[in-house]
Amino acid sequence: QVQLVESGGGLVQAGGSLRLSCAASGRTFSSYAMGWFRQAPGKEREFIGAITRSGGSTYYEDSVKGRFTISRDNAKNTVYLQMNSLKPEDTANYYCYLRTPANTYWGQGTQVTVSS
């Protein structure tokens, strides 16, 4: 069974930065792609970006390109989301996921609030 635990959320002013972490256990971490979604109140869950299992390639949703960076440390079984130039519209609960051929696993989420 895969367990994913996010951390690093909080309250930040517009223009600020946060780094989220997602620690994984229960699987061979480096074998799978991982990524991040977010969900704001009253809205559907939105894809932010993903990273391949080696970390060699990353993909981003247009609204976060150039501001957010996904990375991973396979030795630490952790994936990161560095968020810069944050905007109030980035306020949401942020979830990491790990995708295997059979399943997609989710963390419990971490709240990010950006004040104007």
C-alpha atoms as a PDB file:
ATOM      1  CA  GLN A   1       0.000   0.000   0.000  1.00  0.00           C
ATOM      2  CA  VAL A   2       1.246   3.466  -0.921  1.00  0.00           C
ATOM      3  CA  GLN A   3       1.172   6.307   1.575  1.00  0.00           C
ATOM      4  CA  LEU A   4       1.759   9.908   0.547  1.00  0.00           C
ATOM      5  CA  VAL A   5       2.138  12.707   3.084  1.00  0.00           C
ATOM      6  CA  GLU A   6       2.249  16.337   1.971  1.00  0.00           C
ATOM      7  CA  SER A   7       3.706  19.165   4.009  1.00  0.00           C
ATOM      8  CA  GLY A   8       4.814  22.763   3.614  1.00  0.00           C
ATOM      9  CA  GLY A   9       1.522  24.528   3.076  1.00  0.00           C
ATOM     10  CA  GLY A  10       0.584  27.728   4.843  1.00  0.00           C
ATOM     11  CA  LEU A  11      -0.306  31.381   4.525  1.00  0.00           C
ATOM     12  CA  VAL A  12       1.816  33.602   2.304  1.00  0.00           C
ATOM     13  CA  GLN A  13       1.457  37.051   0.810  1.00  0.00           C
ATOM     14  CA  ALA A  14       1.035  37.540  -2.919  1.00  0.00           C
ATOM     15  CA  GLY A  15       4.411  37.466  -4.629  1.00  0.00           C
ATOM     16  CA  GLY A  16       5.847  35.131  -2.026  1.00  0.00           C
ATOM     17  CA  SER A  17       7.086  31.562  -2.252  1.00  0.00           C
ATOM     18  CA  LEU A  18       6.388  28.186  -0.682  1.00  0.00           C
ATOM     19  CA  ARG A  19       7.853  24.747  -1.165  1.00  0.00           C
ATOM     20  CA  LEU A  20       5.602  21.752  -0.721  1.00  0.00           C
ATOM     21  CA  SER A  21       6.944  18.288  -0.049  1.00  0.00           C
ATOM     22  CA  CYS A  22       5.343  14.903  -0.577  1.00  0.00           C
ATOM     23  CA  ALA A  23       6.944  11.932   1.147  1.00  0.00           C
ATOM     24  CA  ALA A  24       6.080   8.487  -0.198  1.00  0.00           C
ATOM     25  CA  SER A  25       6.285   5.047   1.381  1.00  0.00           C
ATOM     26  CA  GLY A  26       5.177   1.559   0.516  1.00  0.00           C
ATOM     27  CA  ARG A  27       6.391   1.302  -3.059  1.00  0.00           C
ATOM     28  CA  THR A  28       9.562   1.573  -5.077  1.00  0.00           C
ATOM     29  CA  PHE A  29       9.282   5.312  -5.393  1.00  0.00           C
ATOM     30  CA  SER A  30      11.639   5.727  -8.302  1.00  0.00           C
ATOM     31  CA  SER A  31       9.564   3.403 -10.498  1.00  0.00           C
ATOM     32  CA  TYR A  32       6.627   5.757 -10.878  1.00  0.00           C
ATOM     33  CA  ALA A  33       5.663   9.133 -12.196  1.00  0.00           C
ATOM     34  CA  MET A  34       4.332  11.592  -9.643  1.00  0.00           C
ATOM     35  CA  GLY A  35       2.691  14.966  -9.696  1.00  0.00           C
ATOM     36  CA  TRP A  36       0.468  17.555  -8.126  1.00  0.00           C
ATOM     37  CA  PHE A  37      -3.148  18.659  -8.321  1.00  0.00           C
ATOM     38  CA  ARG A  38      -4.947  21.383  -6.454  1.00  0.00           C
ATOM     39  CA  GLN A  39      -8.542  22.077  -5.539  1.00  0.00           C
ATOM     40  CA  ALA A  40      -9.996  25.428  -4.589  1.00  0.00           C
ATOM     41  CA  PRO A  41     -13.317  25.733  -2.728  1.00  0.00           C
ATOM     42  CA  GLY A  42     -16.221  25.184  -5.071  1.00  0.00           C
ATOM     43  CA  LYS A  43     -13.988  24.152  -7.955  1.00  0.00           C
ATOM     44  CA  GLU A  44     -12.935  20.896  -9.542  1.00  0.00           C
ATOM     45  CA  ARG A  45      -9.544  19.367  -8.861  1.00  0.00           C
ATOM     46  CA  GLU A  46      -7.022  20.902 -11.257  1.00  0.00           C
ATOM     47  CA  PHE A  47      -3.846  19.336 -12.651  1.00  0.00           C
ATOM     48  CA  ILE A  48      -0.734  21.396 -11.871  1.00  0.00           C
ATOM     49  CA  GLY A  49       2.111  19.289 -13.162  1.00  0.00           C
ATOM     50  CA  ALA A  50       3.930  15.996 -13.187  1.00  0.00           C
ATOM     51  CA  ILE A  51       7.432  14.564 -13.180  1.00  0.00           C
ATOM     52  CA  THR A  52       8.701  11.369 -14.747  1.00  0.00           C
ATOM     53  CA  ARG A  53      10.114   8.600 -12.594  1.00  0.00           C
ATOM     54  CA  SER A  54      13.706   9.616 -13.256  1.00  0.00           C
ATOM     55  CA  GLY A  55      12.962  13.303 -12.864  1.00  0.00           C
ATOM     56  CA  GLY A  56      14.235  13.915 -16.368  1.00  0.00           C
ATOM     57  CA  SER A  57      11.039  15.477 -17.653  1.00  0.00           C
ATOM     58  CA  THR A  58       8.380  17.694 -16.136  1.00  0.00           C
ATOM     59  CA  TYR A  59       5.016  18.947 -17.373  1.00  0.00           C
ATOM     60  CA  TYR A  60       3.004  21.947 -16.173  1.00  0.00           C
ATOM     61  CA  GLU A  61      -0.426  23.427 -16.533  1.00  0.00           C
ATOM     62  CA  ASP A  62      -0.257  26.756 -18.367  1.00  0.00           C
ATOM     63  CA  SER A  63      -1.255  28.949 -15.426  1.00  0.00           C
ATOM     64  CA  VAL A  64       1.744  27.838 -13.348  1.00  0.00           C
ATOM     65  CA  LYS A  65       4.428  27.587 -16.031  1.00  0.00           C
ATOM     66  CA  GLY A  66       7.428  29.710 -15.161  1.00  0.00           C
ATOM     67  CA  ARG A  67       6.313  30.054 -11.531  1.00  0.00           C
ATOM     68  CA  PHE A  68       6.111  26.478 -10.222  1.00  0.00           C
ATOM     69  CA  THR A  69       8.798  23.805 -10.401  1.00  0.00           C
ATOM     70  CA  ILE A  70       8.408  20.104  -9.645  1.00  0.00           C
ATOM     71  CA  SER A  71      11.416  18.064  -8.618  1.00  0.00           C
ATOM     72  CA  ARG A  72      12.070  14.759  -6.884  1.00  0.00           C
ATOM     73  CA  ASP A  73      14.698  13.130  -4.753  1.00  0.00           C
ATOM     74  CA  ASN A  74      14.432   9.384  -5.252  1.00  0.00           C
ATOM     75  CA  ALA A  75      16.919   8.720  -2.457  1.00  0.00           C
ATOM     76  CA  LYS A  76      14.524  10.453  -0.046  1.00  0.00           C
ATOM     77  CA  ASN A  77      11.302   9.151  -1.659  1.00  0.00           C
ATOM     78  CA  THR A  78      10.119  12.735  -1.875  1.00  0.00           C
ATOM     79  CA  VAL A  79       8.681  14.960  -4.572  1.00  0.00           C
ATOM     80  CA  TYR A  80       8.663  18.736  -4.260  1.00  0.00           C
ATOM     81  CA  LEU A  81       6.604  21.615  -5.595  1.00  0.00           C
ATOM     82  CA  GLN A  82       8.439  24.931  -5.496  1.00  0.00           C
ATOM     83  CA  MET A  83       5.951  27.761  -5.917  1.00  0.00           C
ATOM     84  CA  ASN A  84       7.172  31.276  -6.652  1.00  0.00           C
ATOM     85  CA  SER A  85       5.385  34.531  -7.468  1.00  0.00           C
ATOM     86  CA  LEU A  86       2.261  33.234  -5.761  1.00  0.00           C
ATOM     87  CA  LYS A  87      -1.087  34.818  -6.561  1.00  0.00           C
ATOM     88  CA  PRO A  88      -4.354  34.847  -4.603  1.00  0.00           C
ATOM     89  CA  GLU A  89      -5.834  32.553  -7.257  1.00  0.00           C
ATOM     90  CA  ASP A  90      -3.275  29.913  -6.279  1.00  0.00           C
ATOM     91  CA  THR A  91      -5.147  29.486  -3.001  1.00  0.00           C
ATOM     92  CA  ALA A  92      -6.220  25.843  -2.801  1.00  0.00           C
ATOM     93  CA  ASN A  93      -5.646  22.507  -1.168  1.00  0.00           C
ATOM     94  CA  TYR A  94      -2.661  20.889  -2.889  1.00  0.00           C
ATOM     95  CA  TYR A  95      -2.455  17.131  -3.402  1.00  0.00           C
ATOM     96  CA  CYS A  96       0.385  14.965  -4.620  1.00  0.00           C
ATOM     97  CA  TYR A  97      -0.213  11.716  -6.453  1.00  0.00           C
ATOM     98  CA  LEU A  98       1.713   8.636  -7.472  1.00  0.00           C
ATOM     99  CA  ARG A  99       0.615   6.736 -10.539  1.00  0.00           C
ATOM    100  CA  THR A 100       1.162   3.032 -11.091  1.00  0.00           C
ATOM    101  CA  PRO A 101      -0.210   0.994 -14.021  1.00  0.00           C
ATOM    102  CA  ALA A 102      -3.013  -0.258 -11.768  1.00  0.00           C
ATOM    103  CA  ASN A 103      -3.770   2.663  -9.477  1.00  0.00           C
ATOM    104  CA  THR A 104      -3.374   6.317  -8.640  1.00  0.00           C
ATOM    105  CA  TYR A 105      -2.609   7.115  -5.019  1.00  0.00           C
ATOM    106  CA  TRP A 106      -3.278  10.451  -3.337  1.00  0.00           C
ATOM    107  CA  GLY A 107      -2.031  12.280  -0.315  1.00  0.00           C
ATOM    108  CA  GLN A 108      -4.336  13.987   2.180  1.00  0.00           C
ATOM    109  CA  GLY A 109      -3.545  17.467   0.872  1.00  0.00           C
ATOM    110  CA  THR A 110      -1.948  20.581   2.298  1.00  0.00           C
ATOM    111  CA  GLN A 111      -3.611  23.982   2.310  1.00  0.00           C
ATOM    112  CA  VAL A 112      -2.006  26.960   0.605  1.00  0.00           C
ATOM    113  CA  THR A 113      -3.518  30.388   1.168  1.00  0.00           C
ATOM    114  CA  VAL A 114      -2.222  33.425  -0.683  1.00  0.00           C
ATOM    115  CA  SER A 115      -3.313  36.804   0.657  1.00  0.00           C
ATOM    116  CA  SER A 116      -3.542  39.886  -1.533  1.00  0.00           C
END
